[in-house]
PDB file of N, CA and C in Angstrom:
ATOM      1  N   UNK A   1      28.530  19.899  -3.810  1.00  0.00           N
ATOM      2  CA  UNK A   1      27.891  19.021  -2.858  1.00  0.00           C
ATOM      3  C   UNK A   1      27.360  17.799  -3.609  1.00  0.00           C
ATOM      4  N   UNK A   2      27.651  16.640  -3.081  1.00  0.00           N
ATOM      5  CA  UNK A   2      27.218  15.401  -3.736  1.00  0.00           C
ATOM      6  C   UNK A   2      25.749  15.107  -3.438  1.00  0.00           C
ATOM      7  N   UNK A   3      25.023  14.833  -4.495  1.00  0.00           N
ATOM      8  CA  UNK A   3      23.621  14.434  -4.374  1.00  0.00           C
ATOM      9  C   UNK A   3      23.556  12.932  -4.146  1.00  0.00           C
ATOM     10  N   UNK A   4      22.684  12.463  -3.265  1.00  0.00           N
ATOM     11  CA  UNK A   4      22.560  11.014  -3.106  1.00  0.00           C
ATOM     12  C   UNK A   4      21.977  10.409  -4.376  1.00  0.00           C
ATOM     13  N   UNK A   5      22.518   9.257  -4.760  1.00  0.00           N
ATOM     14  CA  UNK A   5      22.048   8.591  -5.967  1.00  0.00           C
ATOM     15  C   UNK A   5      20.753   7.850  -5.662  1.00  0.00           C
ATOM     16  N   UNK A   6      19.789   7.961  -6.577  1.00  0.00           N
ATOM     17  CA  UNK A   6      18.555   7.213  -6.359  1.00  0.00           C
ATOM     18  C   UNK A   6      18.833   5.716  -6.469  1.00  0.00           C
ATOM     19  N   UNK A   7      18.146   4.941  -5.670  1.00  0.00           N
ATOM     20  CA  UNK A   7      18.316   3.497  -5.712  1.00  0.00           C
ATOM     21  C   UNK A   7      17.095   2.873  -6.357  1.00  0.00           C
ATOM     22  N   UNK A   8      17.322   1.829  -7.078  1.00  0.00           N
ATOM     23  CA  UNK A   8      16.260   1.103  -7.747  1.00  0.00           C
ATOM     24  C   UNK A   8      15.887  -0.088  -6.884  1.00  0.00           C
ATOM     25  N   UNK A   9      14.660  -0.113  -6.435  1.00  0.00           N
ATOM     26  CA  UNK A   9      14.195  -1.222  -5.608  1.00  0.00           C
ATOM     27  C   UNK A   9      13.790  -2.375  -6.519  1.00  0.00           C
ATOM     28  N   UNK A  10      14.225  -3.544  -6.155  1.00  0.00           N
ATOM     29  CA  UNK A  10      13.864  -4.729  -6.910  1.00  0.00           C
ATOM     30  C   UNK A  10      12.822  -5.487  -6.099  1.00  0.00           C
ATOM     31  N   UNK A  11      11.649  -5.676  -6.722  1.00  0.00           N
ATOM     32  CA  UNK A  11      10.591  -6.420  -6.048  1.00  0.00           C
ATOM     33  C   UNK A  11      10.122  -7.528  -6.985  1.00  0.00           C
ATOM     34  N   UNK A  12       9.579  -8.565  -6.401  1.00  0.00           N
ATOM     35  CA  UNK A  12       9.113  -9.672  -7.231  1.00  0.00           C
ATOM     36  C   UNK A  12       7.682  -9.412  -7.692  1.00  0.00           C
ATOM     37  N   UNK A  13       7.178 -10.288  -8.554  1.00  0.00           N
ATOM     38  CA  UNK A  13       5.845 -10.112  -9.120  1.00  0.00           C
ATOM     39  C   UNK A  13       4.764 -10.092  -8.044  1.00  0.00           C
ATOM     40  N   UNK A  14       4.882 -10.923  -7.038  1.00  0.00           N
ATOM     41  CA  UNK A  14       3.867 -10.974  -5.984  1.00  0.00           C
ATOM     42  C   UNK A  14       3.795  -9.651  -5.233  1.00  0.00           C
ATOM     43  N   UNK A  15       4.948  -9.079  -4.907  1.00  0.00           N
ATOM     44  CA  UNK A  15       4.965  -7.793  -4.203  1.00  0.00           C
ATOM     45  C   UNK A  15       4.388  -6.686  -5.084  1.00  0.00           C
ATOM     46  N   UNK A  16       4.745  -6.694  -6.354  1.00  0.00           N
ATOM     47  CA  UNK A  16       4.232  -5.688  -7.280  1.00  0.00           C
ATOM     48  C   UNK A  16       2.717  -5.810  -7.423  1.00  0.00           C
ATOM     49  N   UNK A  17       2.234  -7.054  -7.527  1.00  0.00           N
ATOM     50  CA  UNK A  17       0.792  -7.288  -7.661  1.00  0.00           C
ATOM     51  C   UNK A  17       0.046  -6.729  -6.454  1.00  0.00           C
ATOM     52  N   UNK A  18       0.611  -6.924  -5.265  1.00  0.00           N
ATOM     53  CA  UNK A  18      -0.037  -6.447  -4.051  1.00  0.00           C
ATOM     54  C   UNK A  18      -0.019  -4.921  -3.945  1.00  0.00           C
ATOM     55  N   UNK A  19       0.967  -4.269  -4.542  1.00  0.00           N
ATOM     56  CA  UNK A  19       1.066  -2.813  -4.476  1.00  0.00           C
ATOM     57  C   UNK A  19       0.227  -2.099  -5.522  1.00  0.00           C
ATOM     58  N   UNK A  20       0.157  -2.656  -6.721  1.00  0.00           N
ATOM     59  CA  UNK A  20      -0.543  -2.000  -7.824  1.00  0.00           C
ATOM     60  C   UNK A  20      -2.044  -2.221  -7.722  1.00  0.00           C
ATOM     61  N   UNK A  21      -2.791  -1.163  -7.847  1.00  0.00           N
ATOM     62  CA  UNK A  21      -4.251  -1.225  -7.813  1.00  0.00           C
ATOM     63  C   UNK A  21      -4.742  -1.956  -6.566  1.00  0.00           C
ATOM     64  N   UNK A  22      -4.126  -1.677  -5.431  1.00  0.00           N
ATOM     65  CA  UNK A  22      -4.466  -2.396  -4.206  1.00  0.00           C
ATOM     66  C   UNK A  22      -5.869  -2.102  -3.709  1.00  0.00           C
ATOM     67  N   UNK A  23      -6.506  -1.043  -4.187  1.00  0.00           N
ATOM     68  CA  UNK A  23      -7.870  -0.730  -3.780  1.00  0.00           C
ATOM     69  C   UNK A  23      -8.926  -1.445  -4.616  1.00  0.00           C
ATOM     70  N   UNK A  24      -8.482  -2.282  -5.526  1.00  0.00           N
ATOM     71  CA  UNK A  24      -9.406  -3.013  -6.393  1.00  0.00           C
ATOM     72  C   UNK A  24      -9.379  -4.497  -6.052  1.00  0.00           C
ATOM     73  N   UNK A  25     -10.515  -5.185  -6.254  1.00  0.00           N
ATOM     74  CA  UNK A  25     -10.529  -6.634  -6.010  1.00  0.00           C
ATOM     75  C   UNK A  25      -9.700  -7.369  -7.065  1.00  0.00           C
ATOM     76  N   UNK A  26      -9.455  -8.650  -6.832  1.00  0.00           N
ATOM     77  CA  UNK A  26      -8.657  -9.447  -7.771  1.00  0.00           C
ATOM     78  C   UNK A  26      -9.362  -9.646  -9.111  1.00  0.00           C
ATOM     79  N   UNK A  27     -10.682  -9.598  -9.113  1.00  0.00           N
ATOM     80  CA  UNK A  27     -11.472  -9.699 -10.342  1.00  0.00           C
ATOM     81  C   UNK A  27     -12.378  -8.477 -10.384  1.00  0.00           C
ATOM     82  N   UNK A  28     -12.248  -7.681 -11.447  1.00  0.00           N
ATOM     83  CA  UNK A  28     -12.976  -6.415 -11.527  1.00  0.00           C
ATOM     84  C   UNK A  28     -14.066  -6.465 -12.589  1.00  0.00           C
ATOM     85  N   UNK A  29     -14.953  -5.474 -12.529  1.00  0.00           N
ATOM     86  CA  UNK A  29     -15.995  -5.341 -13.543  1.00  0.00           C
ATOM     87  C   UNK A  29     -15.597  -4.253 -14.540  1.00  0.00           C
ATOM     88  N   UNK A  30     -16.494  -3.961 -15.461  1.00  0.00           N
ATOM     89  CA  UNK A  30     -16.200  -2.975 -16.515  1.00  0.00           C
ATOM     90  C   UNK A  30     -15.897  -1.595 -15.920  1.00  0.00           C
ATOM     91  N   UNK A  31     -16.715  -1.135 -14.986  1.00  0.00           N
ATOM     92  CA  UNK A  31     -16.524   0.202 -14.417  1.00  0.00           C
ATOM     93  C   UNK A  31     -15.172   0.318 -13.723  1.00  0.00           C
ATOM     94  N   UNK A  32     -14.800  -0.712 -12.969  1.00  0.00           N
ATOM     95  CA  UNK A  32     -13.507  -0.690 -12.273  1.00  0.00           C
ATOM     96  C   UNK A  32     -12.353  -0.735 -13.268  1.00  0.00           C
ATOM     97  N   UNK A  33     -12.501  -1.534 -14.323  1.00  0.00           N
ATOM     98  CA  UNK A  33     -11.463  -1.593 -15.350  1.00  0.00           C
ATOM     99  C   UNK A  33     -11.274  -0.223 -16.006  1.00  0.00           C
ATOM    100  N   UNK A  34     -12.384   0.469 -16.270  1.00  0.00           N
ATOM    101  CA  UNK A  34     -12.291   1.806 -16.872  1.00  0.00           C
ATOM    102  C   UNK A  34     -11.493   2.751 -15.981  1.00  0.00           C
ATOM    103  N   UNK A  35     -11.737   2.703 -14.676  1.00  0.00           N
ATOM    104  CA  UNK A  35     -10.985   3.541 -13.733  1.00  0.00           C
ATOM    105  C   UNK A  35      -9.510   3.179 -13.740  1.00  0.00           C
ATOM    106  N   UNK A  36      -9.220   1.872 -13.733  1.00  0.00           N
ATOM    107  CA  UNK A  36      -7.832   1.406 -13.690  1.00  0.00           C
ATOM    108  C   UNK A  36      -7.051   1.832 -14.925  1.00  0.00           C
ATOM    109  N   UNK A  37      -7.758   1.974 -16.031  1.00  0.00           N
ATOM    110  CA  UNK A  37      -7.103   2.352 -17.288  1.00  0.00           C
ATOM    111  C   UNK A  37      -7.200   3.854 -17.553  1.00  0.00           C
ATOM    112  N   UNK A  38      -7.322   4.619 -16.505  1.00  0.00           N
ATOM    113  CA  UNK A  38      -7.251   6.073 -16.643  1.00  0.00           C
ATOM    114  C   UNK A  38      -8.544   6.741 -17.030  1.00  0.00           C
ATOM    115  N   UNK A  39      -9.663   6.086 -16.798  1.00  0.00           N
ATOM    116  CA  UNK A  39     -10.955   6.710 -17.099  1.00  0.00           C
ATOM    117  C   UNK A  39     -11.401   6.550 -18.542  1.00  0.00           C
ATOM    118  N   UNK A  40     -11.032   5.428 -19.169  1.00  0.00           N
ATOM    119  CA  UNK A  40     -11.495   5.194 -20.535  1.00  0.00           C
ATOM    120  C   UNK A  40     -13.008   5.018 -20.525  1.00  0.00           C
ATOM    121  N   UNK A  41     -13.632   5.172 -21.669  1.00  0.00           N
ATOM    122  CA  UNK A  41     -15.086   5.047 -21.756  1.00  0.00           C
ATOM    123  C   UNK A  41     -15.508   3.579 -21.712  1.00  0.00           C
ATOM    124  N   UNK A  42     -16.771   3.352 -21.361  1.00  0.00           N
ATOM    125  CA  UNK A  42     -17.312   1.998 -21.384  1.00  0.00           C
ATOM    126  C   UNK A  42     -17.223   1.398 -22.782  1.00  0.00           C
ATOM    127  N   UNK A  43     -17.465   2.231 -23.783  1.00  0.00           N
ATOM    128  CA  UNK A  43     -17.418   1.757 -25.173  1.00  0.00           C
ATOM    129  C   UNK A  43     -16.019   1.232 -25.514  1.00  0.00           C
ATOM    130  N   UNK A  44     -14.991   1.961 -25.116  1.00  0.00           N
ATOM    131  CA  UNK A  44     -13.613   1.522 -25.362  1.00  0.00           C
ATOM    132  C   UNK A  44     -13.307   0.253 -24.573  1.00  0.00           C
ATOM    133  N   UNK A  45     -13.802   0.179 -23.346  1.00  0.00           N
ATOM    134  CA  UNK A  45     -13.577  -1.008 -22.519  1.00  0.00           C
ATOM    135  C   UNK A  45     -14.210  -2.239 -23.163  1.00  0.00           C
ATOM    136  N   UNK A  46     -15.454  -2.119 -23.605  1.00  0.00           N
ATOM    137  CA  UNK A  46     -16.116  -3.250 -24.255  1.00  0.00           C
ATOM    138  C   UNK A  46     -15.381  -3.653 -25.528  1.00  0.00           C
ATOM    139  N   UNK A  47     -14.872  -2.675 -26.255  1.00  0.00           N
ATOM    140  CA  UNK A  47     -14.119  -2.974 -27.479  1.00  0.00           C
ATOM    141  C   UNK A  47     -12.861  -3.777 -27.154  1.00  0.00           C
ATOM    142  N   UNK A  48     -12.119  -3.373 -26.119  1.00  0.00           N
ATOM    143  CA  UNK A  48     -10.917  -4.109 -25.714  1.00  0.00           C
ATOM    144  C   UNK A  48     -11.248  -5.554 -25.348  1.00  0.00           C
ATOM    145  N   UNK A  49     -12.381  -5.750 -24.677  1.00  0.00           N
ATOM    146  CA  UNK A  49     -12.767  -7.094 -24.265  1.00  0.00           C
ATOM    147  C   UNK A  49     -13.280  -7.914 -25.445  1.00  0.00           C
ATOM    148  N   UNK A  50     -14.100  -7.319 -26.290  1.00  0.00           N
ATOM    149  CA  UNK A  50     -14.666  -8.048 -27.424  1.00  0.00           C
ATOM    150  C   UNK A  50     -13.605  -8.443 -28.442  1.00  0.00           C
ATOM    151  N   UNK A  51     -12.543  -7.656 -28.523  1.00  0.00           N
ATOM    152  CA  UNK A  51     -11.427  -8.002 -29.419  1.00  0.00           C
ATOM    153  C   UNK A  51     -10.419  -8.918 -28.736  1.00  0.00           C
ATOM    154  N   UNK A  52     -10.705  -9.322 -27.511  1.00  0.00           N
ATOM    155  CA  UNK A  52      -9.817 -10.168 -26.698  1.00  0.00           C
ATOM    156  C   UNK A  52      -8.428  -9.556 -26.511  1.00  0.00           C
ATOM    157  N   UNK A  53      -8.375  -8.238 -26.484  1.00  0.00           N
ATOM    158  CA  UNK A  53      -7.121  -7.549 -26.195  1.00  0.00           C
ATOM    159  C   UNK A  53      -6.751  -7.742 -24.731  1.00  0.00           C
ATOM    160  N   UNK A  54      -7.770  -7.774 -23.879  1.00  0.00           N
ATOM    161  CA  UNK A  54      -7.584  -8.073 -22.455  1.00  0.00           C
ATOM    162  C   UNK A  54      -8.344  -9.359 -22.175  1.00  0.00           C
ATOM    163  N   UNK A  55      -7.649 -10.350 -21.644  1.00  0.00           N
ATOM    164  CA  UNK A  55      -8.300 -11.621 -21.324  1.00  0.00           C
ATOM    165  C   UNK A  55      -9.315 -11.428 -20.214  1.00  0.00           C
ATOM    166  N   UNK A  56     -10.428 -12.116 -20.336  1.00  0.00           N
ATOM    167  CA  UNK A  56     -11.539 -11.966 -19.409  1.00  0.00           C
ATOM    168  C   UNK A  56     -12.397 -13.219 -19.446  1.00  0.00           C
ATOM    169  N   UNK A  57     -13.424 -13.246 -18.643  1.00  0.00           N
ATOM    170  CA  UNK A  57     -14.436 -14.286 -18.735  1.00  0.00           C
ATOM    171  C   UNK A  57     -15.783 -13.642 -18.472  1.00  0.00           C
ATOM    172  N   UNK A  58     -16.834 -14.368 -18.817  1.00  0.00           N
ATOM    173  CA  UNK A  58     -18.180 -13.849 -18.625  1.00  0.00           C
ATOM    174  C   UNK A  58     -18.961 -14.793 -17.731  1.00  0.00           C
ATOM    175  N   UNK A  59     -19.763 -14.210 -16.888  1.00  0.00           N
ATOM    176  CA  UNK A  59     -20.742 -14.964 -16.117  1.00  0.00           C
ATOM    177  C   UNK A  59     -22.090 -14.444 -16.590  1.00  0.00           C
ATOM    178  N   UNK A  60     -22.767 -15.264 -17.384  1.00  0.00           N
ATOM    179  CA  UNK A  60     -23.979 -14.785 -18.040  1.00  0.00           C
ATOM    180  C   UNK A  60     -23.597 -13.709 -19.032  1.00  0.00           C
ATOM    181  N   UNK A  61     -24.151 -12.519 -18.846  1.00  0.00           N
ATOM    182  CA  UNK A  61     -23.805 -11.394 -19.722  1.00  0.00           C
ATOM    183  C   UNK A  61     -22.824 -10.431 -19.072  1.00  0.00           C
ATOM    184  N   UNK A  62     -22.342 -10.766 -17.884  1.00  0.00           N
ATOM    185  CA  UNK A  62     -21.464  -9.880 -17.105  1.00  0.00           C
ATOM    186  C   UNK A  62     -19.998 -10.217 -17.367  1.00  0.00           C
ATOM    187  N   UNK A  63     -19.247  -9.202 -17.771  1.00  0.00           N
ATOM    188  CA  UNK A  63     -17.807  -9.374 -17.970  1.00  0.00           C
ATOM    189  C   UNK A  63     -17.089  -9.318 -16.626  1.00  0.00           C
ATOM    190  N   UNK A  64     -16.144 -10.231 -16.430  1.00  0.00           N
ATOM    191  CA  UNK A  64     -15.286 -10.248 -15.257  1.00  0.00           C
ATOM    192  C   UNK A  64     -13.841 -10.268 -15.752  1.00  0.00           C
ATOM    193  N   UNK A  65     -13.027  -9.380 -15.210  1.00  0.00           N
ATOM    194  CA  UNK A  65     -11.649  -9.227 -15.688  1.00  0.00           C
ATOM    195  C   UNK A  65     -10.692  -9.418 -14.512  1.00  0.00           C
ATOM    196  N   UNK A  66      -9.898 -10.484 -14.529  1.00  0.00           N
ATOM    197  CA  UNK A  66      -8.880 -10.633 -13.480  1.00  0.00           C
ATOM    198  C   UNK A  66      -7.895  -9.459 -13.520  1.00  0.00           C
ATOM    199  N   UNK A  67      -7.609  -8.915 -12.354  1.00  0.00           N
ATOM    200  CA  UNK A  67      -6.722  -7.748 -12.262  1.00  0.00           C
ATOM    201  C   UNK A  67      -5.367  -8.007 -12.924  1.00  0.00           C
ATOM    202  N   UNK A  68      -4.868  -9.219 -12.793  1.00  0.00           N
ATOM    203  CA  UNK A  68      -3.567  -9.533 -13.396  1.00  0.00           C
ATOM    204  C   UNK A  68      -3.607  -9.356 -14.914  1.00  0.00           C
ATOM    205  N   UNK A  69      -4.752  -9.588 -15.546  1.00  0.00           N
ATOM    206  CA  UNK A  69      -4.850  -9.408 -16.998  1.00  0.00           C
ATOM    207  C   UNK A  69      -4.762  -7.943 -17.392  1.00  0.00           C
ATOM    208  N   UNK A  70      -5.223  -7.059 -16.535  1.00  0.00           N
ATOM    209  CA  UNK A  70      -5.068  -5.620 -16.797  1.00  0.00           C
ATOM    210  C   UNK A  70      -3.602  -5.227 -16.661  1.00  0.00           C
ATOM    211  N   UNK A  71      -2.933  -5.778 -15.668  1.00  0.00           N
ATOM    212  CA  UNK A  71      -1.499  -5.509 -15.509  1.00  0.00           C
ATOM    213  C   UNK A  71      -0.708  -6.045 -16.696  1.00  0.00           C
ATOM    214  N   UNK A  72      -1.095  -7.201 -17.214  1.00  0.00           N
ATOM    215  CA  UNK A  72      -0.441  -7.748 -18.414  1.00  0.00           C
ATOM    216  C   UNK A  72      -0.679  -6.837 -19.612  1.00  0.00           C
ATOM    217  N   UNK A  73      -1.888  -6.337 -19.754  1.00  0.00           N
ATOM    218  CA  UNK A  73      -2.219  -5.422 -20.852  1.00  0.00           C
ATOM    219  C   UNK A  73      -1.372  -4.158 -20.779  1.00  0.00           C
ATOM    220  N   UNK A  74      -1.137  -3.674 -19.568  1.00  0.00           N
ATOM    221  CA  UNK A  74      -0.331  -2.464 -19.385  1.00  0.00           C
ATOM    222  C   UNK A  74       1.173  -2.739 -19.454  1.00  0.00           C
ATOM    223  N   UNK A  75       1.526  -3.988 -19.716  1.00  0.00           N
ATOM    224  CA  UNK A  75       2.929  -4.418 -19.779  1.00  0.00           C
ATOM    225  C   UNK A  75       3.664  -4.174 -18.471  1.00  0.00           C
ATOM    226  N   UNK A  76       2.941  -4.261 -17.361  1.00  0.00           N
ATOM    227  CA  UNK A  76       3.574  -4.134 -16.052  1.00  0.00           C
ATOM    228  C   UNK A  76       4.040  -5.487 -15.539  1.00  0.00           C
ATOM    229  N   UNK A  77       3.492  -6.533 -16.115  1.00  0.00           N
ATOM    230  CA  UNK A  77       3.887  -7.900 -15.796  1.00  0.00           C
ATOM    231  C   UNK A  77       4.192  -8.612 -17.097  1.00  0.00           C
ATOM    232  N   UNK A  78       4.962  -9.670 -16.986  1.00  0.00           N
ATOM    233  CA  UNK A  78       5.161 -10.540 -18.140  1.00  0.00           C
ATOM    234  C   UNK A  78       4.815 -11.945 -17.694  1.00  0.00           C
ATOM    235  N   UNK A  79       4.344 -12.720 -18.620  1.00  0.00           N
ATOM    236  CA  UNK A  79       3.949 -14.089 -18.313  1.00  0.00           C
ATOM    237  C   UNK A  79       4.665 -15.004 -19.280  1.00  0.00           C
ATOM    238  N   UNK A  80       5.349 -15.982 -18.747  1.00  0.00           N
ATOM    239  CA  UNK A  80       6.000 -16.970 -19.607  1.00  0.00           C
ATOM    240  C   UNK A  80       5.516 -18.345 -19.205  1.00  0.00           C
ATOM    241  N   UNK A  81       5.372 -19.176 -20.182  1.00  0.00           N
ATOM    242  CA  UNK A  81       4.917 -20.538 -19.961  1.00  0.00           C
ATOM    243  C   UNK A  81       5.974 -21.466 -20.510  1.00  0.00           C
ATOM    244  N   UNK A  82       6.513 -22.283 -19.650  1.00  0.00           N
ATOM    245  CA  UNK A  82       7.542 -23.232 -20.053  1.00  0.00           C
ATOM    246  C   UNK A  82       6.979 -24.631 -19.899  1.00  0.00           C
ATOM    247  N   UNK A  83       6.710 -25.267 -21.030  1.00  0.00           N
ATOM    248  CA  UNK A  83       6.109 -26.603 -21.015  1.00  0.00           C
ATOM    249  C   UNK A  83       6.986 -27.630 -20.296  1.00  0.00           C
ATOM    250  N   UNK A  84       8.265 -27.417 -20.340  1.00  0.00           N
ATOM    251  CA  UNK A  84       9.175 -28.386 -19.752  1.00  0.00           C
ATOM    252  C   UNK A  84       9.096 -28.410 -18.236  1.00  0.00           C
ATOM    253  N   UNK A  85       8.657 -27.334 -17.611  1.00  0.00           N
ATOM    254  CA  UNK A  85       8.606 -27.315 -16.151  1.00  0.00           C
ATOM    255  C   UNK A  85       7.196 -27.521 -15.615  1.00  0.00           C
ATOM    256  N   UNK A  86       6.233 -27.747 -16.488  1.00  0.00           N
ATOM    257  CA  UNK A  86       4.875 -27.980 -16.054  1.00  0.00           C
ATOM    258  C   UNK A  86       4.731 -29.388 -15.537  1.00  0.00           C
ATOM    259  N   UNK A  87       4.265 -29.528 -14.325  1.00  0.00           N
ATOM    260  CA  UNK A  87       4.030 -30.859 -13.758  1.00  0.00           C
ATOM    261  C   UNK A  87       2.583 -30.967 -13.350  1.00  0.00           C
ATOM    262  N   UNK A  88       2.030 -32.133 -13.543  1.00  0.00           N
ATOM    263  CA  UNK A  88       0.636 -32.379 -13.165  1.00  0.00           C
ATOM    264  C   UNK A  88       0.559 -33.259 -11.961  1.00  0.00           C
TER     265      UNK A  88
END
């Protein structure tokens, strides 16, 4: 008996972004980042941020992490910058 072959769905970055971590806001805090990364400790999270392993910004003393930067860290997205196509 022939088994149906699995099909690979091709989705673009926008669709993937909307599907992954959809229960989280676009900019997360330390606690949310820890959950997204499988329950890592706060200490490990702060280390990743202080070493600039995950891009982030601070408002006062509060770390804010764009969700897309967590996806980049997990290698779920890739980012390329082409100077030749940049228009102002």
